C-alpha atoms as a PDB file:
ATOM      1  CA  MET A   1     -11.100 -19.861 -15.919  1.00  0.00           C
ATOM      2  CA  ALA A   2     -12.593 -17.312 -15.983  1.00  0.00           C
ATOM      3  CA  MET A   3     -16.207 -15.895 -16.969  1.00  0.00           C
ATOM      4  CA  ILE A   4     -17.130 -13.277 -18.917  1.00  0.00           C
ATOM      5  CA  GLU A   5     -20.660 -12.095 -18.078  1.00  0.00           C
ATOM      6  CA  THR A   6     -22.432  -9.613 -20.412  1.00  0.00           C
ATOM      7  CA  ASN A   7     -25.583  -7.416 -19.738  1.00  0.00           C
ATOM      8  CA  SER A   8     -27.398  -4.849 -21.482  1.00  0.00           C
ATOM      9  CA  LEU A   9     -26.351  -1.475 -21.522  1.00  0.00           C
ATOM     10  CA  PRO A  10     -29.204   1.012 -19.737  1.00  0.00           C
ATOM     11  CA  GLY A  11     -30.894   3.255 -22.435  1.00  0.00           C
ATOM     12  CA  PRO A  12     -29.746   6.897 -22.750  1.00  0.00           C
ATOM     13  CA  ALA A  13     -32.608   8.171 -21.441  1.00  0.00           C
ATOM     14  CA  ASP A  14     -31.554   7.440 -17.852  1.00  0.00           C
ATOM     15  CA  ALA A  15     -29.326  10.229 -15.766  1.00  0.00           C
ATOM     16  CA  GLY A  16     -27.039   8.132 -14.148  1.00  0.00           C
ATOM     17  CA  HIS A  17     -26.458   5.525 -17.104  1.00  0.00           C
ATOM     18  CA  VAL A  18     -22.965   6.535 -17.428  1.00  0.00           C
ATOM     19  CA  SER A  19     -21.904   6.041 -14.043  1.00  0.00           C
ATOM     20  CA  ARG A  20     -23.580   2.954 -13.979  1.00  0.00           C
ATOM     21  CA  PHE A  21     -21.805   2.009 -16.842  1.00  0.00           C
ATOM     22  CA  VAL A  22     -18.403   2.670 -15.321  1.00  0.00           C
ATOM     23  CA  SER A  23     -19.843   0.846 -11.874  1.00  0.00           C
ATOM     24  CA  GLU A  24     -20.131  -2.267 -13.940  1.00  0.00           C
ATOM     25  CA  ILE A  25     -16.751  -1.989 -15.712  1.00  0.00           C
ATOM     26  CA  GLN A  26     -15.235  -1.691 -12.798  1.00  0.00           C
ATOM     27  CA  SER A  27     -16.824  -4.749 -10.497  1.00  0.00           C
ATOM     28  CA  PHE A  28     -16.202  -6.837 -14.109  1.00  0.00           C
ATOM     29  CA  TRP A  29     -12.322  -5.806 -13.856  1.00  0.00           C
ATOM     30  CA  LYS A  30     -12.387  -6.956  -9.888  1.00  0.00           C
ATOM     31  CA  ARG A  31     -14.176 -10.233 -10.489  1.00  0.00           C
ATOM     32  CA  PHE A  32     -11.859 -10.760 -13.635  1.00  0.00           C
ATOM     33  CA  PHE A  33      -8.669 -10.596 -11.156  1.00  0.00           C
ATOM     34  CA  ALA A  34      -9.732 -12.152  -8.668  1.00  0.00           C
ATOM     35  CA  THR A  35     -10.770 -15.189 -10.254  1.00  0.00           C
ATOM     36  CA  ALA A  36      -8.247 -15.051 -12.999  1.00  0.00           C
ATOM     37  CA  PHE A  37      -4.909 -14.309  -9.811  1.00  0.00           C
ATOM     38  CA  ASN A  38      -6.491 -16.873  -7.744  1.00  0.00           C
ATOM     39  CA  PRO A  39      -4.005 -17.895  -5.419  1.00  0.00           C
ATOM     40  CA  TYR A  40      -4.929 -20.870  -4.382  1.00  0.00           C
ATOM     41  CA  ARG A  41      -3.655 -23.643  -5.921  1.00  0.00           C
ATOM     42  CA  PRO A  42      -5.088 -26.942  -4.649  1.00  0.00           C
ATOM     43  CA  GLU A  43      -2.658 -29.182  -6.722  1.00  0.00           C
ATOM     44  CA  LEU A  44       0.007 -27.931  -4.067  1.00  0.00           C
ATOM     45  CA  HIS A  45      -1.301 -29.111  -1.180  1.00  0.00           C
ATOM     46  CA  TYR A  46      -1.937 -32.572  -3.175  1.00  0.00           C
ATOM     47  CA  MET A  47      -0.237 -35.864  -0.702  1.00  0.00           C
ATOM     48  CA  ARG A  48       1.334 -38.309  -2.481  1.00  0.00           C
ATOM     49  CA  GLY A  49       1.043 -41.787  -0.233  1.00  0.00           C
ATOM     50  CA  PRO A  50       0.501 -42.216   3.604  1.00  0.00           C
ATOM     51  CA  GLY A  51       3.010 -39.823   5.751  1.00  0.00           C
ATOM     52  CA  PRO A  52       4.328 -40.476   8.870  1.00  0.00           C
ATOM     53  CA  ALA A  53       1.038 -40.893  10.805  1.00  0.00           C
ATOM     54  CA  TRP A  54      -0.058 -43.387   8.661  1.00  0.00           C
ATOM     55  CA  ARG A  55       3.048 -45.544   9.101  1.00  0.00           C
ATOM     56  CA  ALA A  56       2.872 -44.963  12.773  1.00  0.00           C
ATOM     57  CA  LYS A  57      -0.452 -46.228  12.953  1.00  0.00           C
ATOM     58  CA  HIS A  58      -0.166 -49.486  10.661  1.00  0.00           C
ATOM     59  CA  GLY A  59       3.480 -50.125  11.518  1.00  0.00           C
ATOM     60  CA  MET A  60       6.258 -50.198   8.291  1.00  0.00           C
ATOM     61  CA  ASP A  61       5.471 -53.444   7.647  1.00  0.00           C
ATOM     62  CA  ALA A  62       1.649 -53.102   6.043  1.00  0.00           C
ATOM     63  CA  PRO A  63       0.733 -53.546   2.829  1.00  0.00           C
ATOM     64  CA  PHE A  64       1.377 -50.882   0.891  1.00  0.00           C
ATOM     65  CA  ARG A  65       1.572 -50.943  -2.890  1.00  0.00           C
ATOM     66  CA  LEU A  66       3.855 -47.869  -4.909  1.00  0.00           C
ATOM     67  CA  LYS A  67       2.649 -47.292  -8.483  1.00  0.00           C
ATOM     68  CA  PRO A  68       4.867 -48.109 -11.264  1.00  0.00           C
ATOM     69  CA  ARG A  69       5.230 -44.278 -11.584  1.00  0.00           C
ATOM     70  CA  ASP A  70       6.119 -43.542  -8.024  1.00  0.00           C
ATOM     71  CA  LEU A  71       9.464 -46.289  -8.197  1.00  0.00           C
END
């Protein structure tokens, strides 16, 4: 989920307030897109149960119980 940060705007007496404001907007959108469209999805890499290395080490007769949803 994206986190929104707000900062107070500089006063009108500041000479570079427009460029700083534009810079803040650009940095906000850059952070927003980096967070919202992050390609890393750990649930795609989650392994369910023992794999071939575990079976090679423990053998096929090792006690391993499947959960009812896995049957």
